[in-house]
Amino acid sequence: MGEIRIGTSGWLYPPWRGAFYPEGLVQRRELAYLAEQFDTVEINGSFYALQKPASYQKWAGQTPDDFVFAVKGSRFITHMKRLRDGDTLLSNFLASGVLALGPKLGPFLWQLPPNFGFDPAVLADFFGRLPRSTAEAAKIAAQHDDRVDPAYLTPDADRPLRHALEIRHPSFDTPEFPALLREFGIALVIADTAGKYPALEEITTDFTYIRLHGHEELYVSGYTDEGLDMWAGKIRDWAQHGDVYAYFDNDAKVMAPRDARALKDRLAR
């Protein structure tokens, strides 16, 4: 039976204040409060811009010893370079401080744009360049350029790294795709996107990564009791094959922490 972790996609949302976060809680305490409720969270800011080592160190310091961060990969790699010619960008991303999370560094999430179709050659090349341990990540990070200052290049220990891929183009609905993921040991992100993007449910490596964006309306709608029961059942089944990470991204109306709590409660029964 694998370990099951339930959390949210990000934590800095003004509408959560007074709804999920207690009135009067200062912003710098919000992550610590969230980490009292859940045991994992996705870092989203890393998708939009390189973060600083001091930020990753601060986040690690605000959370319990057994907390885990999933880190979203840079959009400059996935959306702008579209996985091509991105060696320096990958080095910069890995040098920006992710290794400062130490034992709290969980899976990397790589999200492709909706207009990125299935291209096995490009994907295989990208998968082959991804580090599979913190020692490998440090070697790649050492090739960073001057856009990263300061850099964080020294992991506290050599640990395995995990990677998950989220797709949004219908051309990925082919048997070749999960076969490629299995070949490289990459998890397919199982995503609920209100029917907008493909809903593929294949277990392709030793862990499962789930993103729940909303079942009726993307990023907005909450999950019904029946819907949460369904996901709890699926997660119990997937946990038979390894660890499970599930993140709610329906944050627009403060649904994410509510639904994460409800799903966590179901799985604790």
Protein backbone atom coordinates (compact mmCIF):
# COMPACT_ATOMS: atom_id res chain seq x y z
CA MET A 1 0.00 0.00 0.00
CA GLY A 2 1.51 3.30 -1.08
CA GLU A 3 1.43 6.57 0.81
CA ILE A 4 -1.51 8.86 -0.01
CA ARG A 5 -1.08 12.64 0.12
CA ILE A 6 -3.89 15.12 -0.49
CA GLY A 7 -3.37 18.87 -0.90
CA THR A 8 -4.03 21.95 -2.97
CA SER A 9 -2.46 23.58 -5.97
CA GLY A 10 -0.83 26.63 -4.38
CA TRP A 11 -1.74 28.42 -1.17
CA LEU A 12 -1.57 32.19 -1.79
CA TYR A 13 -5.16 33.10 -2.67
CA PRO A 14 -6.77 36.27 -1.23
CA PRO A 15 -10.33 34.78 -1.34
CA TRP A 16 -9.17 32.04 1.06
CA ARG A 17 -8.58 34.65 3.77
CA GLY A 18 -11.46 34.58 6.22
CA ALA A 19 -12.91 31.51 4.46
CA PHE A 20 -10.19 28.86 4.78
CA TYR A 21 -7.58 30.92 6.59
CA PRO A 22 -8.81 32.31 9.93
CA GLU A 23 -9.54 36.00 10.21
CA GLY A 24 -6.44 37.88 11.28
CA LEU A 25 -3.95 35.24 10.16
CA VAL A 26 -0.99 37.08 8.67
CA GLN A 27 0.02 36.12 5.13
CA ARG A 28 3.44 34.84 6.17
CA ARG A 29 1.69 32.22 8.35
CA GLU A 30 -0.65 30.91 5.66
CA LEU A 31 1.60 28.10 4.44
CA ALA A 32 2.21 26.93 8.01
CA TYR A 33 -1.55 26.90 8.62
CA LEU A 34 -2.21 24.94 5.41
CA ALA A 35 0.51 22.46 6.42
CA GLU A 36 -1.41 21.79 9.64
CA GLN A 37 -4.37 20.65 7.53
CA PHE A 38 -2.63 18.82 4.69
CA ASP A 39 0.65 16.99 4.09
CA THR A 40 1.48 18.30 0.62
CA VAL A 41 1.03 21.28 -1.70
CA GLU A 42 1.97 22.23 -5.25
CA ILE A 43 4.36 25.15 -5.73
CA ASN A 44 2.90 27.08 -8.67
CA GLY A 45 5.10 30.19 -8.69
CA SER A 46 7.94 28.10 -10.15
CA PHE A 47 5.88 27.75 -13.34
CA TYR A 48 5.72 31.50 -13.94
CA ALA A 49 9.23 32.60 -12.92
CA LEU A 50 12.42 31.35 -11.33
CA GLN A 51 12.16 31.47 -7.57
CA LYS A 52 15.02 32.13 -5.15
CA PRO A 53 16.81 29.62 -2.89
CA ALA A 54 15.76 31.72 0.10
CA SER A 55 12.10 31.20 -0.82
CA TYR A 56 12.42 27.43 -1.01
CA GLN A 57 14.33 27.39 2.26
CA LYS A 58 11.65 29.53 3.90
CA TRP A 59 8.85 27.27 2.66
CA ALA A 60 10.66 24.17 3.88
CA GLY A 61 11.17 25.81 7.26
CA GLN A 62 7.48 26.64 7.65
CA THR A 63 6.27 23.06 7.25
CA PRO A 64 6.49 19.83 9.30
CA ASP A 65 9.27 17.32 8.74
CA ASP A 66 7.03 14.92 6.82
CA PHE A 67 5.54 17.57 4.49
CA VAL A 68 6.11 17.26 0.72
CA PHE A 69 6.15 19.91 -2.02
CA ALA A 70 5.35 19.12 -5.63
CA VAL A 71 7.13 21.64 -7.87
CA LYS A 72 5.62 22.81 -11.14
CA GLY A 73 8.16 23.00 -13.95
CA SER A 74 8.94 26.25 -15.72
CA ARG A 75 6.58 27.38 -18.50
CA PHE A 76 9.65 28.63 -20.39
CA ILE A 77 10.53 24.95 -20.86
CA THR A 78 7.04 23.58 -21.51
CA HIS A 79 5.17 26.43 -23.20
CA MET A 80 7.78 28.68 -24.81
CA LYS A 81 10.54 26.26 -25.82
CA ARG A 82 7.97 23.44 -26.02
CA LEU A 83 10.51 20.97 -24.57
CA ARG A 84 13.08 21.76 -27.30
CA ASP A 85 16.51 23.37 -26.88
CA GLY A 86 15.89 23.84 -23.20
CA ASP A 87 19.10 22.57 -21.60
CA THR A 88 20.07 25.92 -20.10
CA LEU A 89 16.50 26.58 -19.00
CA LEU A 90 16.40 23.21 -17.23
CA SER A 91 19.75 23.98 -15.56
CA ASN A 92 18.48 27.37 -14.43
CA PHE A 93 15.27 25.87 -13.09
CA LEU A 94 17.11 23.23 -11.10
CA ALA A 95 19.66 25.78 -9.83
CA SER A 96 16.99 28.24 -8.66
CA GLY A 97 16.56 26.56 -5.28
CA VAL A 98 14.40 23.45 -5.66
CA LEU A 99 17.15 21.35 -4.06
CA ALA A 100 16.91 23.54 -0.97
CA LEU A 101 13.66 21.75 -0.15
CA GLY A 102 15.79 18.76 0.88
CA PRO A 103 13.73 15.72 1.91
CA LYS A 104 10.52 17.71 1.33
CA LEU A 105 11.09 17.81 -2.44
CA GLY A 106 8.39 15.67 -4.05
CA PRO A 107 7.44 15.14 -7.71
CA PHE A 108 8.06 17.63 -10.48
CA LEU A 109 4.94 18.50 -12.47
CA TRP A 110 5.43 19.29 -16.17
CA GLN A 111 2.26 20.70 -17.75
CA LEU A 112 2.03 20.94 -21.53
CA PRO A 113 -0.06 23.63 -23.28
CA PRO A 114 -3.35 22.70 -24.97
CA ASN A 115 -1.86 23.13 -28.47
CA PHE A 116 1.03 20.72 -27.83
CA GLY A 117 0.25 17.49 -29.69
CA PHE A 118 1.74 14.06 -29.14
CA ASP A 119 5.30 13.98 -30.49
CA PRO A 120 7.12 10.88 -29.25
CA ALA A 121 10.56 12.02 -30.43
CA VAL A 122 10.38 15.37 -28.62
CA LEU A 123 8.97 13.75 -25.49
CA ALA A 124 11.59 11.00 -25.42
CA ASP A 125 14.37 13.55 -25.77
CA PHE A 126 12.96 15.63 -22.91
CA PHE A 127 12.37 12.64 -20.65
CA GLY A 128 15.93 11.50 -21.25
CA ARG A 129 17.27 14.83 -20.02
CA LEU A 130 15.35 14.89 -16.76
CA PRO A 131 17.34 14.11 -13.59
CA ARG A 132 16.34 10.98 -11.69
CA SER A 133 18.19 11.86 -8.49
CA THR A 134 19.16 14.99 -6.60
CA ALA A 135 22.82 14.29 -7.45
CA GLU A 136 21.95 14.27 -11.16
CA ALA A 137 19.91 17.43 -10.68
CA ALA A 138 22.89 19.15 -9.05
CA LYS A 139 25.12 18.27 -12.01
CA ILE A 140 22.61 19.70 -14.46
CA ALA A 141 22.06 22.77 -12.26
CA ALA A 142 25.79 23.50 -12.30
CA GLN A 143 25.42 24.41 -16.01
CA HIS A 144 23.18 27.39 -15.18
CA ASP A 145 23.81 30.83 -16.67
CA ASP A 146 23.92 34.27 -15.06
CA ARG A 147 20.14 34.53 -14.91
CA VAL A 148 20.36 32.50 -11.70
CA ASP A 149 22.01 34.41 -8.88
CA PRO A 150 22.38 33.08 -6.29
CA ALA A 151 22.26 29.43 -7.30
CA TYR A 152 21.62 26.44 -5.04
CA LEU A 153 23.67 23.50 -6.26
CA THR A 154 24.30 21.22 -3.27
CA PRO A 155 21.64 18.71 -2.22
CA ASP A 156 21.68 17.62 1.41
CA ALA A 157 21.63 13.97 0.28
CA ASP A 158 21.26 11.93 -2.88
CA ARG A 159 17.59 11.06 -3.24
CA PRO A 160 15.51 9.77 -6.15
CA LEU A 161 13.40 12.27 -8.09
CA ARG A 162 10.00 11.76 -9.66
CA HIS A 163 8.39 13.43 -12.67
CA ALA A 164 4.76 13.67 -13.84
CA LEU A 165 3.40 14.98 -17.16
CA GLU A 166 0.03 16.70 -17.64
CA ILE A 167 -1.26 16.78 -21.21
CA ARG A 168 -4.11 18.74 -22.78
CA HIS A 169 -4.29 17.72 -26.44
CA PRO A 170 -6.51 14.89 -27.76
CA SER A 171 -3.68 13.37 -29.82
CA PHE A 172 -2.21 11.94 -26.60
CA ASP A 173 -5.10 9.48 -26.43
CA THR A 174 -3.10 6.73 -28.09
CA PRO A 175 -1.52 3.54 -26.68
CA GLU A 176 1.90 4.84 -27.73
CA PHE A 177 1.77 7.58 -25.12
CA PRO A 178 1.44 5.54 -21.90
CA ALA A 179 3.94 3.06 -23.33
CA LEU A 180 6.44 5.91 -23.71
CA LEU A 181 5.78 7.09 -20.16
CA ARG A 182 6.36 3.58 -18.84
CA GLU A 183 9.62 3.33 -20.77
CA PHE A 184 10.97 6.43 -19.04
CA GLY A 185 9.26 6.01 -15.67
CA ILE A 186 7.15 9.17 -15.94
CA ALA A 187 3.72 9.43 -14.30
CA LEU A 188 0.73 10.42 -16.39
CA VAL A 189 -1.15 13.17 -14.57
CA ILE A 190 -4.73 12.03 -14.11
CA ALA A 191 -6.63 15.29 -14.52
CA ASP A 192 -10.28 16.17 -14.08
CA THR A 193 -10.82 19.23 -16.28
CA ALA A 194 -14.61 19.52 -16.57
CA GLY A 195 -14.43 17.64 -19.87
CA LYS A 196 -12.30 20.28 -21.59
CA TYR A 197 -9.16 18.17 -21.94
CA PRO A 198 -8.55 14.41 -22.32
CA ALA A 199 -9.32 12.38 -19.20
CA LEU A 200 -6.71 9.62 -19.36
CA GLU A 201 -6.35 7.26 -16.41
CA GLU A 202 -3.27 5.09 -16.81
CA ILE A 203 -0.77 4.14 -14.13
CA THR A 204 2.61 4.35 -15.86
CA THR A 205 5.14 4.23 -13.03
CA ASP A 206 5.44 3.60 -9.28
CA PHE A 207 3.33 6.59 -8.22
CA THR A 208 0.10 8.33 -9.26
CA TYR A 209 -0.34 12.08 -9.69
CA ILE A 210 -3.86 13.56 -9.74
CA ARG A 211 -5.01 17.12 -10.43
CA LEU A 212 -8.66 17.98 -9.77
CA HIS A 213 -9.46 21.24 -11.59
CA GLY A 214 -13.25 21.00 -11.21
CA HIS A 215 -15.77 18.51 -12.54
CA GLU A 216 -18.47 20.85 -13.87
CA GLU A 217 -16.63 24.15 -14.38
CA LEU A 218 -12.87 24.46 -14.77
CA TYR A 219 -11.09 25.94 -11.70
CA VAL A 220 -14.40 26.91 -10.09
CA SER A 221 -16.87 24.13 -9.30
CA GLY A 222 -16.67 22.12 -6.12
CA TYR A 223 -17.02 18.36 -5.88
CA THR A 224 -20.19 16.65 -4.71
CA ASP A 225 -20.23 13.97 -2.03
CA GLU A 226 -20.72 11.39 -4.77
CA GLY A 227 -17.80 12.78 -6.73
CA LEU A 228 -15.50 12.73 -3.72
CA ASP A 229 -16.58 9.18 -2.90
CA MET A 230 -15.68 8.18 -6.46
CA TRP A 231 -12.21 9.75 -6.26
CA ALA A 232 -11.59 8.22 -2.84
CA GLY A 233 -12.34 4.80 -4.30
CA LYS A 234 -10.04 5.34 -7.26
CA ILE A 235 -7.24 6.57 -5.00
CA ARG A 236 -7.51 3.53 -2.75
CA ASP A 237 -7.17 1.32 -5.83
CA TRP A 238 -4.21 3.28 -7.21
CA ALA A 239 -2.48 3.22 -3.83
CA GLN A 240 -2.22 -0.54 -4.23
CA HIS A 241 0.39 0.18 -6.92
CA GLY A 242 2.39 2.91 -5.12
CA ASP A 243 2.25 6.41 -3.68
CA VAL A 244 -0.55 8.80 -4.65
CA TYR A 245 -0.41 12.60 -4.78
CA ALA A 246 -3.69 14.44 -5.36
CA TYR A 247 -4.12 18.22 -5.65
CA PHE A 248 -7.26 20.31 -5.92
CA ASP A 249 -6.95 23.24 -8.32
CA ASN A 250 -10.57 24.47 -8.13
CA ASP A 251 -9.53 27.50 -6.11
CA ALA A 252 -11.64 30.30 -7.66
CA LYS A 253 -14.44 29.98 -5.11
CA VAL A 254 -12.45 28.56 -2.21
CA MET A 255 -13.45 25.03 -3.19
CA ALA A 256 -9.93 23.57 -3.19
CA PRO A 257 -9.22 23.45 0.56
CA ARG A 258 -12.81 22.45 1.32
CA ASP A 259 -12.70 19.54 -1.12
CA ALA A 260 -9.18 18.51 -0.08
CA ARG A 261 -10.32 18.27 3.54
CA ALA A 262 -13.39 16.25 2.55
CA LEU A 263 -11.37 13.82 0.41
CA LYS A 264 -8.73 13.44 3.12
CA ASP A 265 -11.45 12.65 5.67
CA ARG A 266 -12.91 9.97 3.40
CA LEU A 267 -9.55 8.30 2.94
CA ALA A 268 -8.92 8.29 6.69
CA ARG A 269 -12.03 6.19 7.40
